[in-house]
Every structure is written in C-alpha cells, then in structure tokens.
Amino acid sequence: MTDIYQFLADNHIEYERHDHPPVYTVADVERLVPPLPAAKTKNLFLRDKKGKRHFLVVVPAKKRVDIKALSNVIGAGRLSFGSPDRLKRYLGVDPGSVTILAVVSDPDQAVEVYFDEILWEEDAFQFHPLVNTSTLLIQRISLQRFLKASGHEIQLLNVPAQG
C-alpha cells in the first residue's frame, strides 16, 4: 500500500487528520466521525459489464446514485460495483476504505474519476486516507494539487440521483 502521508508531504499537500473508530458506511460516519467543516463524500468503485473500464465516482455522502442512469451518461453500458479483489488490484484499498486518494495506487490511470459537480463547489472535502480509521479534511485547491501529482484528472459531472 502506498504511504499516503508521505505522498502528501512530498507534494506539499495540506490536510487535517482526524482519527476515529473504523467506519464502513455513511451511517457509521454520521455516528462516529466528529463534525468537520468540510463536505462529507461517498466514493463508489464501479466497473462496466465486461470489466474493461473502471470508475471512481465521488458524490455528496447522502446522494443516492442512479447507477443505471449514470451508465448512460458516461457511455459505459451496464455498471456494477467492482469486487473486493478488483478494488484491491486497481486502487489498493479494501471495501469501506474507498477514497479518491486511492488513485495514488493507480499509476497507469486505469480508473476513470468522476466528481459530482455540485460537490465540487464546496471549499473542502472529507476523505479516508486509504484506511477507514481516519478522515482527512482537504481543501479543494489541495485536492487539485493532489490529482495533478497523482497524474489523474477528474471529470465533473451532474451525477444522476435516484428518485
């Protein structure tokens, strides 16, 4: 696993670290992570039907994504969640620890990153640092620096919601 803290330090990316018990769901975050002055996020690792394309979709924590509609918007055919093995292979993390910061483990940019455009309007975000026992508060400008350093670009998208 990549040492995310070393990567952040090497690239002069500022953050605030907040440790807490393990969290696996948005409900766990609500219960166990102290209130922070940053947008809570949900990170979905998806794949297309053939397993040829992989996606990381970052949305507001409470947004219920319409995956069928999303597949049409990004032109990927039918989408489903990536398996734990696939998640480990492409992003180097386990279920419950999916985060945009995991793209440091994807040097070949095999994972396409989509970021909800409404969420992008926030000044700061909350992300796991590759494990679900801490949350990092990262300013948007620092996230942009992180993405550039990792070689990844995000695509802003109005991610479709259910209902």
C-alpha atoms as a PDB file:
ATOM      1  CA  MET A   1       0.000   0.000   0.000  1.00  0.00           C
ATOM      2  CA  THR A   2       1.203   3.469  -0.861  1.00  0.00           C
ATOM      3  CA  ASP A   3       2.191   5.635   2.094  1.00  0.00           C
ATOM      4  CA  ILE A   4      -0.397   8.332   1.530  1.00  0.00           C
ATOM      5  CA  TYR A   5       1.060  10.609   4.184  1.00  0.00           C
ATOM      6  CA  GLN A   6       4.490  10.508   2.530  1.00  0.00           C
ATOM      7  CA  PHE A   7       2.889  11.245  -0.860  1.00  0.00           C
ATOM      8  CA  LEU A   8       1.001  14.206   0.618  1.00  0.00           C
ATOM      9  CA  ALA A   9       4.148  15.529   2.313  1.00  0.00           C
ATOM     10  CA  ASP A  10       6.330  15.057  -0.783  1.00  0.00           C
ATOM     11  CA  ASN A  11       3.823  17.036  -2.850  1.00  0.00           C
ATOM     12  CA  HIS A  12       3.200  19.778  -0.261  1.00  0.00           C
ATOM     13  CA  ILE A  13      -0.487  18.901   0.066  1.00  0.00           C
ATOM     14  CA  GLU A  14      -2.048  20.252   3.235  1.00  0.00           C
ATOM     15  CA  TYR A  15      -4.694  18.383   5.212  1.00  0.00           C
ATOM     16  CA  GLU A  16      -6.158  17.971   8.685  1.00  0.00           C
ATOM     17  CA  ARG A  17      -6.215  14.432  10.097  1.00  0.00           C
ATOM     18  CA  HIS A  18      -8.984  13.171  12.376  1.00  0.00           C
ATOM     19  CA  ASP A  19      -8.715   9.630  13.776  1.00  0.00           C
ATOM     20  CA  HIS A  20     -11.827   7.638  14.762  1.00  0.00           C
ATOM     21  CA  PRO A  21     -13.119   4.058  15.063  1.00  0.00           C
ATOM     22  CA  PRO A  22     -13.475   2.135  11.767  1.00  0.00           C
ATOM     23  CA  VAL A  23     -16.376   3.314   9.580  1.00  0.00           C
ATOM     24  CA  TYR A  24     -17.857   1.276   6.740  1.00  0.00           C
ATOM     25  CA  THR A  25     -20.988   3.197   5.768  1.00  0.00           C
ATOM     26  CA  VAL A  26     -22.258   6.763   5.590  1.00  0.00           C
ATOM     27  CA  ALA A  27     -24.352   5.940   8.681  1.00  0.00           C
ATOM     28  CA  ASP A  28     -21.162   4.945  10.543  1.00  0.00           C
ATOM     29  CA  VAL A  29     -19.559   8.241   9.547  1.00  0.00           C
ATOM     30  CA  GLU A  30     -22.553  10.179  10.875  1.00  0.00           C
ATOM     31  CA  ARG A  31     -22.277   8.334  14.169  1.00  0.00           C
ATOM     32  CA  LEU A  32     -18.515   8.079  14.701  1.00  0.00           C
ATOM     33  CA  VAL A  33     -16.761  10.947  12.917  1.00  0.00           C
ATOM     34  CA  PRO A  34     -16.886  14.309  14.690  1.00  0.00           C
ATOM     35  CA  PRO A  35     -18.432  17.192  12.744  1.00  0.00           C
ATOM     36  CA  LEU A  36     -15.833  18.750  10.464  1.00  0.00           C
ATOM     37  CA  PRO A  37     -16.037  21.946   8.388  1.00  0.00           C
ATOM     38  CA  ALA A  38     -15.894  20.067   5.070  1.00  0.00           C
ATOM     39  CA  ALA A  39     -18.269  18.230   2.748  1.00  0.00           C
ATOM     40  CA  LYS A  40     -18.775  14.557   3.524  1.00  0.00           C
ATOM     41  CA  THR A  41     -18.237  12.362   0.487  1.00  0.00           C
ATOM     42  CA  LYS A  42     -19.250   8.951  -0.777  1.00  0.00           C
ATOM     43  CA  ASN A  43     -16.863   7.176  -3.152  1.00  0.00           C
ATOM     44  CA  LEU A  44     -18.180   4.421  -5.435  1.00  0.00           C
ATOM     45  CA  PHE A  45     -15.889   1.980  -7.255  1.00  0.00           C
ATOM     46  CA  LEU A  46     -17.711   0.723 -10.347  1.00  0.00           C
ATOM     47  CA  ARG A  47     -16.927  -1.344 -13.430  1.00  0.00           C
ATOM     48  CA  ASP A  48     -18.550  -1.891 -16.784  1.00  0.00           C
ATOM     49  CA  LYS A  49     -20.196  -5.189 -17.721  1.00  0.00           C
ATOM     50  CA  LYS A  50     -17.072  -6.565 -19.415  1.00  0.00           C
ATOM     51  CA  GLY A  51     -14.713  -5.405 -16.669  1.00  0.00           C
ATOM     52  CA  LYS A  52     -12.657  -3.410 -19.171  1.00  0.00           C
ATOM     53  CA  ARG A  53     -13.386   0.036 -17.701  1.00  0.00           C
ATOM     54  CA  HIS A  54     -13.280   1.027 -14.035  1.00  0.00           C
ATOM     55  CA  PHE A  55     -14.677   4.140 -12.422  1.00  0.00           C
ATOM     56  CA  LEU A  56     -14.395   6.027  -9.168  1.00  0.00           C
ATOM     57  CA  VAL A  57     -17.424   8.243  -8.645  1.00  0.00           C
ATOM     58  CA  VAL A  58     -17.296  10.858  -5.871  1.00  0.00           C
ATOM     59  CA  VAL A  59     -20.610  12.317  -4.692  1.00  0.00           C
ATOM     60  CA  PRO A  60     -22.060  14.014  -1.603  1.00  0.00           C
ATOM     61  CA  ALA A  61     -22.381  11.466   1.210  1.00  0.00           C
ATOM     62  CA  LYS A  62     -26.162  11.459   1.232  1.00  0.00           C
ATOM     63  CA  LYS A  63     -26.672  11.266  -2.532  1.00  0.00           C
ATOM     64  CA  ARG A  64     -28.256   8.031  -3.760  1.00  0.00           C
ATOM     65  CA  VAL A  65     -26.743   7.490  -7.198  1.00  0.00           C
ATOM     66  CA  ASP A  66     -28.870   6.135 -10.042  1.00  0.00           C
ATOM     67  CA  ILE A  67     -26.266   3.742 -11.423  1.00  0.00           C
ATOM     68  CA  LYS A  68     -28.338   2.820 -14.488  1.00  0.00           C
ATOM     69  CA  ALA A  69     -28.706   6.481 -15.468  1.00  0.00           C
ATOM     70  CA  LEU A  70     -25.021   7.090 -14.705  1.00  0.00           C
ATOM     71  CA  SER A  71     -24.005   4.300 -17.078  1.00  0.00           C
ATOM     72  CA  ASN A  72     -25.914   6.050 -19.869  1.00  0.00           C
ATOM     73  CA  VAL A  73     -24.393   9.448 -19.063  1.00  0.00           C
ATOM     74  CA  ILE A  74     -20.802   8.183 -19.176  1.00  0.00           C
ATOM     75  CA  GLY A  75     -21.414   5.764 -22.059  1.00  0.00           C
ATOM     76  CA  ALA A  76     -20.257   2.699 -20.192  1.00  0.00           C
ATOM     77  CA  GLY A  77     -23.042   0.197 -20.739  1.00  0.00           C
ATOM     78  CA  ARG A  78     -24.278  -1.565 -17.626  1.00  0.00           C
ATOM     79  CA  LEU A  79     -22.357  -0.659 -14.459  1.00  0.00           C
ATOM     80  CA  SER A  80     -21.939  -2.688 -11.291  1.00  0.00           C
ATOM     81  CA  PHE A  81     -19.835  -2.399  -8.165  1.00  0.00           C
ATOM     82  CA  GLY A  82     -16.299  -3.681  -8.509  1.00  0.00           C
ATOM     83  CA  SER A  83     -15.410  -6.761  -6.464  1.00  0.00           C
ATOM     84  CA  PRO A  84     -13.120  -6.507  -3.422  1.00  0.00           C
ATOM     85  CA  ASP A  85     -10.358  -8.192  -5.474  1.00  0.00           C
ATOM     86  CA  ARG A  86     -10.747  -5.684  -8.306  1.00  0.00           C
ATOM     87  CA  LEU A  87     -10.820  -2.807  -5.810  1.00  0.00           C
ATOM     88  CA  LYS A  88      -7.568  -4.031  -4.257  1.00  0.00           C
ATOM     89  CA  ARG A  89      -5.942  -4.542  -7.685  1.00  0.00           C
ATOM     90  CA  TYR A  90      -6.825  -1.135  -9.122  1.00  0.00           C
ATOM     91  CA  LEU A  91      -6.891   1.149  -6.072  1.00  0.00           C
ATOM     92  CA  GLY A  92      -5.028  -0.810  -3.398  1.00  0.00           C
ATOM     93  CA  VAL A  93      -7.781  -0.497  -0.777  1.00  0.00           C
ATOM     94  CA  ASP A  94     -10.388  -2.702   0.865  1.00  0.00           C
ATOM     95  CA  PRO A  95     -14.161  -2.188   0.920  1.00  0.00           C
ATOM     96  CA  GLY A  96     -15.038   0.545   3.402  1.00  0.00           C
ATOM     97  CA  SER A  97     -11.873   2.477   2.545  1.00  0.00           C
ATOM     98  CA  VAL A  98     -12.706   3.621  -0.994  1.00  0.00           C
ATOM     99  CA  THR A  99     -11.444   7.159  -1.476  1.00  0.00           C
ATOM    100  CA  ILE A 100     -10.295   9.480  -4.223  1.00  0.00           C
ATOM    101  CA  LEU A 101      -6.888   9.439  -2.511  1.00  0.00           C
ATOM    102  CA  ALA A 102      -6.518   5.794  -3.617  1.00  0.00           C
ATOM    103  CA  VAL A 103      -5.693   6.939  -7.151  1.00  0.00           C
ATOM    104  CA  VAL A 104      -2.080   7.125  -5.935  1.00  0.00           C
ATOM    105  CA  SER A 105      -2.186   3.323  -6.295  1.00  0.00           C
ATOM    106  CA  ASP A 106      -3.260   3.635  -9.954  1.00  0.00           C
ATOM    107  CA  PRO A 107      -0.149   4.964 -11.738  1.00  0.00           C
ATOM    108  CA  ASP A 108      -1.457   3.832 -15.141  1.00  0.00           C
ATOM    109  CA  GLN A 109      -4.684   5.853 -14.766  1.00  0.00           C
ATOM    110  CA  ALA A 110      -6.775   2.716 -15.380  1.00  0.00           C
ATOM    111  CA  VAL A 111      -9.569   4.120 -13.202  1.00  0.00           C
ATOM    112  CA  GLU A 112     -11.657   6.975 -14.605  1.00  0.00           C
ATOM    113  CA  VAL A 113     -12.581   9.515 -11.921  1.00  0.00           C
ATOM    114  CA  TYR A 114     -15.913  11.347 -11.933  1.00  0.00           C
ATOM    115  CA  PHE A 115     -16.691  14.035  -9.364  1.00  0.00           C
ATOM    116  CA  ASP A 116     -20.189  15.377  -8.773  1.00  0.00           C
ATOM    117  CA  GLU A 117     -20.219  18.980  -9.998  1.00  0.00           C
ATOM    118  CA  ILE A 118     -22.400  20.179  -7.105  1.00  0.00           C
ATOM    119  CA  LEU A 119     -19.948  18.656  -4.616  1.00  0.00           C
ATOM    120  CA  TRP A 120     -17.026  20.325  -6.432  1.00  0.00           C
ATOM    121  CA  GLU A 121     -18.475  23.730  -5.482  1.00  0.00           C
ATOM    122  CA  GLU A 122     -17.565  23.062  -1.836  1.00  0.00           C
ATOM    123  CA  ASP A 123     -14.386  24.593  -0.414  1.00  0.00           C
ATOM    124  CA  ALA A 124     -13.215  21.453   1.407  1.00  0.00           C
ATOM    125  CA  PHE A 125     -13.903  17.715   1.463  1.00  0.00           C
ATOM    126  CA  GLN A 126     -13.593  14.736   3.790  1.00  0.00           C
ATOM    127  CA  PHE A 127     -11.784  11.622   2.522  1.00  0.00           C
ATOM    128  CA  HIS A 128     -10.320   8.463   4.059  1.00  0.00           C
ATOM    129  CA  PRO A 129      -6.509   8.224   3.831  1.00  0.00           C
ATOM    130  CA  LEU A 130      -6.677   4.666   2.319  1.00  0.00           C
ATOM    131  CA  VAL A 131      -7.996   3.293   5.625  1.00  0.00           C
ATOM    132  CA  ASN A 132     -11.340   3.793   7.324  1.00  0.00           C
ATOM    133  CA  THR A 133      -9.963   4.714  10.750  1.00  0.00           C
ATOM    134  CA  SER A 134      -9.127   8.316   9.858  1.00  0.00           C
ATOM    135  CA  THR A 135     -10.670  11.129   7.890  1.00  0.00           C
ATOM    136  CA  LEU A 136      -8.685  13.848   6.183  1.00  0.00           C
ATOM    137  CA  LEU A 137     -10.092  17.301   5.631  1.00  0.00           C
ATOM    138  CA  ILE A 138      -8.684  18.577   2.329  1.00  0.00           C
ATOM    139  CA  GLN A 139      -9.273  21.961   0.720  1.00  0.00           C
ATOM    140  CA  ARG A 140     -10.321  21.962  -2.960  1.00  0.00           C
ATOM    141  CA  ILE A 141      -7.048  23.636  -4.006  1.00  0.00           C
ATOM    142  CA  SER A 142      -5.079  20.909  -2.205  1.00  0.00           C
ATOM    143  CA  LEU A 143      -7.185  18.213  -3.870  1.00  0.00           C
ATOM    144  CA  GLN A 144      -6.395  19.756  -7.254  1.00  0.00           C
ATOM    145  CA  ARG A 145      -2.686  19.650  -6.389  1.00  0.00           C
ATOM    146  CA  PHE A 146      -3.053  16.020  -5.263  1.00  0.00           C
ATOM    147  CA  LEU A 147      -4.764  14.990  -8.504  1.00  0.00           C
ATOM    148  CA  LYS A 148      -2.088  16.671 -10.608  1.00  0.00           C
ATOM    149  CA  ALA A 149       0.679  14.972  -8.605  1.00  0.00           C
ATOM    150  CA  SER A 150      -1.021  11.578  -9.000  1.00  0.00           C
ATOM    151  CA  GLY A 151      -1.410  12.019 -12.757  1.00  0.00           C
ATOM    152  CA  HIS A 152      -5.196  11.830 -12.613  1.00  0.00           C
ATOM    153  CA  GLU A 153      -7.800  14.198 -13.939  1.00  0.00           C
ATOM    154  CA  ILE A 154     -11.359  14.308 -12.718  1.00  0.00           C
ATOM    155  CA  GLN A 155     -14.351  14.737 -14.920  1.00  0.00           C
ATOM    156  CA  LEU A 156     -17.022  16.949 -13.395  1.00  0.00           C
ATOM    157  CA  LEU A 157     -20.471  15.522 -13.910  1.00  0.00           C
ATOM    158  CA  ASN A 158     -24.021  16.042 -12.722  1.00  0.00           C
ATOM    159  CA  VAL A 159     -24.189  12.529 -11.263  1.00  0.00           C
ATOM    160  CA  PRO A 160     -27.800  11.308 -11.586  1.00  0.00           C
ATOM    161  CA  ALA A 161     -29.655  10.653  -8.343  1.00  0.00           C
ATOM    162  CA  GLN A 162     -32.357   8.082  -7.637  1.00  0.00           C
ATOM    163  CA  GLY A 163     -35.908   9.326  -7.403  1.00  0.00           C
END
